[in-house]
Amino acid sequence: MHGKFLSHIIRVCDIIKSIIIHSIFMENPKMKKASLGISSWSEDDRPRERLLLRGAHSPTDAELIAILLRIGVKGQSAVELGRKILRRFGSLKTMMSAPLSAWDGIKGLGNAKKAQLLAALELGRRASLSNIREKQL
């Protein structure tokens, strides 16, 4: 019983913290430019935790990209960077077929993060090809 009560209290504290942070940003326009890291978000809002709790289908495309990126850059969370990448390419499908040069010049996307994303996209592409091959048999 005490465990459930403590869990509920922790969840309420996370909600209150999120409300306070949101209200600070709304009252101070200069702070809107600053980005708080994902670790400051409530657990229900964090992409990795939501994926593990609710399944791989629950995060948005930008959040899935953020999980692969792991961290953002100064002033931009990994989710915001994921959104920026999606906006640049327009869709995951376009990202999969984009030439390597299309990935150049994205602030916060160095060679290591670029390689992680390209590897994940290639795995998805290969998985879809194996499904097509299996259907042809």
N, C-alpha and C. Protein backbone atom coordinates (compact mmCIF):
# COMPACT_ATOMS: atom_id res chain seq x y z
N MET A 1 0.83 -1.19 0.00
CA MET A 1 0.00 0.00 0.00
C MET A 1 0.87 1.25 0.00
N HIS A 2 1.90 1.25 0.85
CA HIS A 2 2.77 2.42 0.93
C HIS A 2 3.50 2.64 -0.39
N GLY A 3 3.85 1.54 -1.09
CA GLY A 3 4.53 1.64 -2.37
C GLY A 3 3.69 2.35 -3.41
N LYS A 4 2.40 2.00 -3.48
CA LYS A 4 1.50 2.64 -4.43
C LYS A 4 1.33 4.12 -4.10
N PHE A 5 1.21 4.42 -2.82
CA PHE A 5 1.04 5.80 -2.39
C PHE A 5 2.28 6.61 -2.74
N LEU A 6 3.47 6.07 -2.46
CA LEU A 6 4.72 6.76 -2.77
C LEU A 6 4.86 6.96 -4.27
N SER A 7 4.50 5.96 -5.05
CA SER A 7 4.55 6.06 -6.51
C SER A 7 3.63 7.18 -7.00
N HIS A 8 2.44 7.27 -6.42
CA HIS A 8 1.49 8.31 -6.78
C HIS A 8 2.04 9.69 -6.43
N ILE A 9 2.64 9.83 -5.27
CA ILE A 9 3.22 11.11 -4.82
C ILE A 9 4.33 11.52 -5.77
N ILE A 10 5.19 10.59 -6.17
CA ILE A 10 6.28 10.89 -7.10
C ILE A 10 5.71 11.37 -8.43
N ARG A 11 4.68 10.72 -8.93
CA ARG A 11 4.05 11.11 -10.20
C ARG A 11 3.46 12.52 -10.09
N VAL A 12 2.80 12.83 -8.99
CA VAL A 12 2.23 14.16 -8.78
C VAL A 12 3.35 15.20 -8.75
N CYS A 13 4.46 14.89 -8.09
CA CYS A 13 5.59 15.82 -8.04
C CYS A 13 6.15 16.07 -9.44
N ASP A 14 6.24 15.01 -10.28
CA ASP A 14 6.71 15.17 -11.66
C ASP A 14 5.78 16.09 -12.44
N ILE A 15 4.48 15.92 -12.25
CA ILE A 15 3.50 16.77 -12.95
C ILE A 15 3.65 18.22 -12.50
N ILE A 16 3.77 18.43 -11.21
CA ILE A 16 3.93 19.79 -10.68
C ILE A 16 5.21 20.42 -11.22
N LYS A 17 6.29 19.66 -11.26
CA LYS A 17 7.56 20.17 -11.79
C LYS A 17 7.40 20.58 -13.26
N SER A 18 6.71 19.76 -14.04
CA SER A 18 6.48 20.08 -15.45
C SER A 18 5.66 21.36 -15.60
N ILE A 19 4.65 21.51 -14.76
CA ILE A 19 3.80 22.72 -14.81
C ILE A 19 4.62 23.94 -14.46
N ILE A 20 5.45 23.85 -13.44
CA ILE A 20 6.28 24.99 -13.04
C ILE A 20 7.25 25.36 -14.14
N ILE A 21 7.92 24.38 -14.71
CA ILE A 21 8.88 24.66 -15.79
C ILE A 21 8.15 25.28 -16.97
N HIS A 22 6.99 24.75 -17.33
CA HIS A 22 6.22 25.31 -18.45
C HIS A 22 5.82 26.76 -18.16
N SER A 23 5.38 27.04 -16.94
CA SER A 23 4.95 28.40 -16.62
C SER A 23 6.13 29.36 -16.64
N ILE A 24 7.32 28.92 -16.24
CA ILE A 24 8.50 29.78 -16.30
C ILE A 24 8.79 30.15 -17.74
N PHE A 25 8.73 29.18 -18.63
CA PHE A 25 8.99 29.46 -20.05
C PHE A 25 7.94 30.39 -20.64
N MET A 26 6.71 30.25 -20.22
CA MET A 26 5.64 31.09 -20.77
C MET A 26 5.76 32.53 -20.27
N GLU A 27 6.25 32.71 -19.04
CA GLU A 27 6.38 34.05 -18.48
C GLU A 27 7.63 34.77 -18.96
N ASN A 28 8.66 34.06 -19.32
CA ASN A 28 9.92 34.67 -19.71
C ASN A 28 10.28 34.25 -21.13
N PRO A 29 9.97 35.09 -22.13
CA PRO A 29 10.23 34.72 -23.53
C PRO A 29 11.69 34.40 -23.82
N LYS A 30 12.63 35.03 -23.10
CA LYS A 30 14.04 34.76 -23.34
C LYS A 30 14.38 33.31 -23.00
N MET A 31 13.69 32.75 -22.03
CA MET A 31 13.98 31.37 -21.63
C MET A 31 13.42 30.35 -22.62
N LYS A 32 12.51 30.78 -23.49
CA LYS A 32 11.97 29.85 -24.48
C LYS A 32 13.08 29.35 -25.40
N LYS A 33 14.10 30.19 -25.60
CA LYS A 33 15.19 29.80 -26.48
C LYS A 33 16.06 28.74 -25.84
N ALA A 34 16.16 28.75 -24.53
CA ALA A 34 16.95 27.75 -23.84
C ALA A 34 16.17 26.45 -23.79
N SER A 35 16.85 25.37 -23.97
CA SER A 35 16.18 24.07 -23.95
C SER A 35 16.63 23.29 -22.73
N LEU A 36 15.68 22.79 -22.00
CA LEU A 36 16.02 21.91 -20.89
C LEU A 36 16.20 20.51 -21.45
N GLY A 37 17.16 19.79 -20.91
CA GLY A 37 17.41 18.44 -21.37
C GLY A 37 16.22 17.53 -21.09
N ILE A 38 16.16 16.47 -21.82
CA ILE A 38 15.07 15.51 -21.68
C ILE A 38 15.03 14.93 -20.27
N SER A 39 16.18 14.84 -19.62
CA SER A 39 16.22 14.29 -18.26
C SER A 39 15.41 15.13 -17.28
N SER A 40 15.13 16.41 -17.62
CA SER A 40 14.31 17.26 -16.75
C SER A 40 12.82 17.05 -17.00
N TRP A 41 12.45 16.31 -18.04
CA TRP A 41 11.05 16.05 -18.36
C TRP A 41 10.51 14.98 -17.42
N SER A 42 9.19 14.96 -17.28
CA SER A 42 8.58 13.88 -16.49
C SER A 42 8.81 12.56 -17.23
N GLU A 43 8.85 11.48 -16.49
CA GLU A 43 9.15 10.18 -17.09
C GLU A 43 8.17 9.81 -18.19
N ASP A 44 6.91 10.19 -18.05
CA ASP A 44 5.91 9.87 -19.08
C ASP A 44 6.17 10.61 -20.38
N ASP A 45 6.90 11.72 -20.31
CA ASP A 45 7.18 12.51 -21.51
C ASP A 45 8.48 12.13 -22.19
N ARG A 46 9.32 11.37 -21.50
CA ARG A 46 10.62 10.99 -22.05
C ARG A 46 10.45 9.87 -23.08
N PRO A 47 10.98 10.06 -24.29
CA PRO A 47 10.77 9.08 -25.36
C PRO A 47 11.25 7.67 -25.03
N ARG A 48 12.45 7.53 -24.48
CA ARG A 48 12.99 6.20 -24.21
C ARG A 48 12.14 5.47 -23.17
N GLU A 49 11.77 6.17 -22.11
CA GLU A 49 10.97 5.54 -21.06
C GLU A 49 9.59 5.16 -21.57
N ARG A 50 8.99 6.04 -22.40
CA ARG A 50 7.67 5.74 -22.95
C ARG A 50 7.75 4.53 -23.88
N LEU A 51 8.80 4.44 -24.67
CA LEU A 51 8.97 3.29 -25.56
C LEU A 51 9.05 2.00 -24.75
N LEU A 52 9.82 2.03 -23.68
CA LEU A 52 9.98 0.83 -22.85
C LEU A 52 8.72 0.47 -22.08
N LEU A 53 7.93 1.47 -21.71
CA LEU A 53 6.69 1.21 -20.96
C LEU A 53 5.52 0.84 -21.86
N ARG A 54 5.41 1.54 -22.99
CA ARG A 54 4.21 1.38 -23.84
C ARG A 54 4.46 0.67 -25.16
N GLY A 55 5.72 0.47 -25.51
CA GLY A 55 6.03 -0.21 -26.76
C GLY A 55 6.64 0.73 -27.79
N ALA A 56 7.29 0.12 -28.78
CA ALA A 56 8.01 0.88 -29.80
C ALA A 56 7.10 1.74 -30.67
N HIS A 57 5.82 1.45 -30.70
CA HIS A 57 4.88 2.22 -31.51
C HIS A 57 4.53 3.58 -30.88
N SER A 58 4.79 3.75 -29.58
CA SER A 58 4.30 4.95 -28.88
C SER A 58 5.07 6.25 -29.19
N PRO A 59 6.39 6.25 -29.35
CA PRO A 59 7.05 7.53 -29.65
C PRO A 59 6.78 8.00 -31.08
N THR A 60 6.86 9.31 -31.27
CA THR A 60 6.75 9.89 -32.61
C THR A 60 8.02 9.58 -33.39
N ASP A 61 8.02 9.87 -34.68
CA ASP A 61 9.22 9.67 -35.49
C ASP A 61 10.39 10.50 -34.94
N ALA A 62 10.12 11.75 -34.59
CA ALA A 62 11.17 12.62 -34.04
C ALA A 62 11.71 12.06 -32.73
N GLU A 63 10.84 11.48 -31.92
CA GLU A 63 11.28 10.90 -30.65
C GLU A 63 12.10 9.63 -30.87
N LEU A 64 11.75 8.84 -31.87
CA LEU A 64 12.56 7.67 -32.19
C LEU A 64 13.95 8.09 -32.66
N ILE A 65 14.01 9.14 -33.46
CA ILE A 65 15.30 9.68 -33.89
C ILE A 65 16.08 10.15 -32.67
N ALA A 66 15.40 10.82 -31.74
CA ALA A 66 16.04 11.31 -30.52
C ALA A 66 16.63 10.17 -29.70
N ILE A 67 15.93 9.06 -29.64
CA ILE A 67 16.44 7.90 -28.90
C ILE A 67 17.75 7.43 -29.52
N LEU A 68 17.81 7.42 -30.84
CA LEU A 68 19.04 7.02 -31.52
C LEU A 68 20.16 8.04 -31.30
N LEU A 69 19.81 9.33 -31.31
CA LEU A 69 20.81 10.38 -31.13
C LEU A 69 21.36 10.40 -29.70
N ARG A 70 20.53 10.04 -28.74
CA ARG A 70 20.85 10.00 -27.32
C ARG A 70 20.93 11.37 -26.68
N ILE A 71 21.61 12.32 -27.28
CA ILE A 71 21.71 13.67 -26.70
C ILE A 71 21.54 14.70 -27.79
N GLY A 72 21.14 15.89 -27.38
CA GLY A 72 21.02 16.99 -28.33
C GLY A 72 22.28 17.82 -28.32
N VAL A 73 22.12 19.09 -28.57
CA VAL A 73 23.23 20.04 -28.52
C VAL A 73 22.82 21.19 -27.62
N LYS A 74 23.74 22.05 -27.30
CA LYS A 74 23.44 23.16 -26.40
C LYS A 74 22.25 23.95 -26.94
N GLY A 75 21.23 24.09 -26.09
CA GLY A 75 20.04 24.84 -26.47
C GLY A 75 19.02 24.05 -27.26
N GLN A 76 19.28 22.76 -27.52
CA GLN A 76 18.37 21.96 -28.35
C GLN A 76 18.38 20.51 -27.85
N SER A 77 17.23 20.03 -27.41
CA SER A 77 17.15 18.65 -26.94
C SER A 77 17.27 17.69 -28.11
N ALA A 78 17.48 16.42 -27.80
CA ALA A 78 17.56 15.41 -28.85
C ALA A 78 16.25 15.34 -29.63
N VAL A 79 15.11 15.55 -28.95
CA VAL A 79 13.81 15.54 -29.65
C VAL A 79 13.72 16.71 -30.62
N GLU A 80 14.16 17.89 -30.18
CA GLU A 80 14.14 19.05 -31.06
C GLU A 80 15.06 18.83 -32.27
N LEU A 81 16.22 18.23 -32.03
CA LEU A 81 17.12 17.91 -33.13
C LEU A 81 16.48 16.89 -34.07
N GLY A 82 15.77 15.91 -33.51
CA GLY A 82 15.05 14.93 -34.34
C GLY A 82 14.00 15.60 -35.21
N ARG A 83 13.27 16.56 -34.63
CA ARG A 83 12.27 17.31 -35.41
C ARG A 83 12.93 18.10 -36.53
N LYS A 84 14.06 18.72 -36.21
CA LYS A 84 14.79 19.51 -37.20
C LYS A 84 15.24 18.63 -38.38
N ILE A 85 15.73 17.45 -38.07
CA ILE A 85 16.17 16.52 -39.11
C ILE A 85 14.98 16.08 -39.97
N LEU A 86 13.87 15.75 -39.33
CA LEU A 86 12.67 15.35 -40.08
C LEU A 86 12.18 16.48 -40.98
N ARG A 87 12.18 17.71 -40.47
CA ARG A 87 11.75 18.85 -41.30
C ARG A 87 12.66 19.02 -42.51
N ARG A 88 13.95 18.81 -42.29
CA ARG A 88 14.90 18.98 -43.39
C ARG A 88 14.64 17.99 -44.51
N PHE A 89 14.35 16.74 -44.13
CA PHE A 89 14.15 15.70 -45.15
C PHE A 89 12.69 15.53 -45.55
N GLY A 90 11.77 15.88 -44.69
CA GLY A 90 10.36 15.78 -45.02
C GLY A 90 9.70 14.49 -44.56
N SER A 91 10.44 13.39 -44.56
CA SER A 91 9.86 12.11 -44.14
C SER A 91 10.98 11.10 -43.87
N LEU A 92 10.62 10.04 -43.18
CA LEU A 92 11.58 8.96 -42.95
C LEU A 92 11.98 8.31 -44.27
N LYS A 93 11.02 8.17 -45.17
CA LYS A 93 11.31 7.55 -46.46
C LYS A 93 12.35 8.34 -47.23
N THR A 94 12.22 9.66 -47.20
CA THR A 94 13.19 10.52 -47.88
C THR A 94 14.56 10.40 -47.20
N MET A 95 14.54 10.31 -45.88
CA MET A 95 15.81 10.14 -45.15
C MET A 95 16.52 8.87 -45.59
N MET A 96 15.75 7.81 -45.80
CA MET A 96 16.34 6.52 -46.19
C MET A 96 17.01 6.57 -47.55
N SER A 97 16.49 7.38 -48.43
CA SER A 97 17.03 7.42 -49.80
C SER A 97 17.93 8.62 -50.06
N ALA A 98 18.14 9.45 -49.07
CA ALA A 98 18.95 10.66 -49.26
C ALA A 98 20.43 10.30 -49.44
N PRO A 99 21.11 11.02 -50.31
CA PRO A 99 22.56 10.80 -50.46
C PRO A 99 23.29 11.27 -49.20
N LEU A 100 24.47 10.77 -49.00
CA LEU A 100 25.26 11.15 -47.82
C LEU A 100 25.46 12.65 -47.73
N SER A 101 25.63 13.31 -48.85
CA SER A 101 25.87 14.75 -48.84
C SER A 101 24.68 15.54 -48.28
N ALA A 102 23.48 14.97 -48.34
CA ALA A 102 22.29 15.65 -47.82
C ALA A 102 22.33 15.77 -46.31
N TRP A 103 23.15 14.96 -45.67
CA TRP A 103 23.26 14.97 -44.22
C TRP A 103 24.27 15.98 -43.71
N ASP A 104 25.03 16.57 -44.60
CA ASP A 104 26.05 17.54 -44.21
C ASP A 104 25.42 18.84 -43.74
N GLY A 105 26.07 19.49 -42.80
CA GLY A 105 25.66 20.82 -42.37
C GLY A 105 24.53 20.87 -41.37
N ILE A 106 24.13 19.74 -40.80
CA ILE A 106 23.09 19.74 -39.78
C ILE A 106 23.77 19.95 -38.43
N LYS A 107 23.53 21.11 -37.82
CA LYS A 107 24.17 21.44 -36.54
C LYS A 107 23.78 20.40 -35.49
N GLY A 108 24.79 19.85 -34.83
CA GLY A 108 24.54 18.85 -33.81
C GLY A 108 24.59 17.43 -34.33
N LEU A 109 24.82 17.28 -35.62
CA LEU A 109 24.85 15.94 -36.21
C LEU A 109 26.24 15.69 -36.77
N GLY A 110 27.13 15.22 -35.90
CA GLY A 110 28.49 14.88 -36.32
C GLY A 110 28.51 13.51 -36.96
N ASN A 111 29.71 13.05 -37.24
CA ASN A 111 29.86 11.76 -37.93
C ASN A 111 29.30 10.59 -37.13
N ALA A 112 29.50 10.60 -35.81
CA ALA A 112 29.02 9.48 -34.99
C ALA A 112 27.49 9.40 -35.01
N LYS A 113 26.81 10.52 -34.79
CA LYS A 113 25.34 10.52 -34.79
C LYS A 113 24.81 10.23 -36.19
N LYS A 114 25.47 10.79 -37.19
CA LYS A 114 25.05 10.53 -38.57
C LYS A 114 25.16 9.03 -38.87
N ALA A 115 26.25 8.41 -38.45
CA ALA A 115 26.43 6.98 -38.68
C ALA A 115 25.36 6.16 -37.95
N GLN A 116 25.02 6.55 -36.73
CA GLN A 116 23.97 5.85 -35.98
C GLN A 116 22.64 5.91 -36.71
N LEU A 117 22.27 7.09 -37.17
CA LEU A 117 20.99 7.24 -37.88
C LEU A 117 21.00 6.48 -39.20
N LEU A 118 22.08 6.60 -39.96
CA LEU A 118 22.14 5.91 -41.24
C LEU A 118 22.11 4.39 -41.06
N ALA A 119 22.76 3.89 -40.01
CA ALA A 119 22.75 2.45 -39.74
C ALA A 119 21.33 1.99 -39.40
N ALA A 120 20.62 2.76 -38.58
CA ALA A 120 19.24 2.40 -38.22
C ALA A 120 18.33 2.44 -39.45
N LEU A 121 18.49 3.45 -40.28
CA LEU A 121 17.68 3.55 -41.50
C LEU A 121 17.98 2.38 -42.44
N GLU A 122 19.25 2.00 -42.53
CA GLU A 122 19.62 0.87 -43.38
C GLU A 122 19.05 -0.44 -42.85
N LEU A 123 19.04 -0.61 -41.53
CA LEU A 123 18.43 -1.80 -40.95
C LEU A 123 16.94 -1.87 -41.30
N GLY A 124 16.27 -0.73 -41.21
CA GLY A 124 14.86 -0.69 -41.59
C GLY A 124 14.65 -1.03 -43.05
N ARG A 125 15.52 -0.50 -43.90
CA ARG A 125 15.43 -0.78 -45.33
C ARG A 125 15.64 -2.27 -45.60
N ARG A 126 16.66 -2.84 -44.98
CA ARG A 126 16.94 -4.27 -45.18
C ARG A 126 15.83 -5.15 -44.63
N ALA A 127 15.26 -4.74 -43.51
CA ALA A 127 14.14 -5.51 -42.94
C ALA A 127 12.95 -5.50 -43.89
N SER A 128 12.68 -4.36 -44.51
CA SER A 128 11.54 -4.29 -45.44
C SER A 128 11.83 -5.10 -46.69
N LEU A 129 13.09 -5.14 -47.12
CA LEU A 129 13.44 -5.96 -48.28
C LEU A 129 13.30 -7.44 -47.97
N SER A 130 13.66 -7.86 -46.76
CA SER A 130 13.53 -9.28 -46.42
C SER A 130 12.07 -9.68 -46.37
N ASN A 131 11.17 -8.78 -45.97
CA ASN A 131 9.73 -9.08 -46.00
C ASN A 131 9.24 -9.27 -47.43
N ILE A 132 9.73 -8.44 -48.33
CA ILE A 132 9.36 -8.57 -49.75
C ILE A 132 9.87 -9.89 -50.30
N ARG A 133 11.12 -10.24 -49.98
CA ARG A 133 11.69 -11.49 -50.46
C ARG A 133 10.92 -12.70 -49.92
N GLU A 134 10.52 -12.64 -48.64
CA GLU A 134 9.78 -13.75 -48.04
C GLU A 134 8.42 -13.92 -48.73
N LYS A 135 7.78 -12.81 -49.10
CA LYS A 135 6.48 -12.89 -49.77
C LYS A 135 6.62 -13.48 -51.17
N GLN A 136 7.78 -13.25 -51.80
CA GLN A 136 7.98 -13.75 -53.15
C GLN A 136 8.23 -15.27 -53.16
N LEU A 137 8.66 -15.82 -52.04
CA LEU A 137 8.92 -17.27 -51.98
C LEU A 137 7.66 -18.00 -51.90
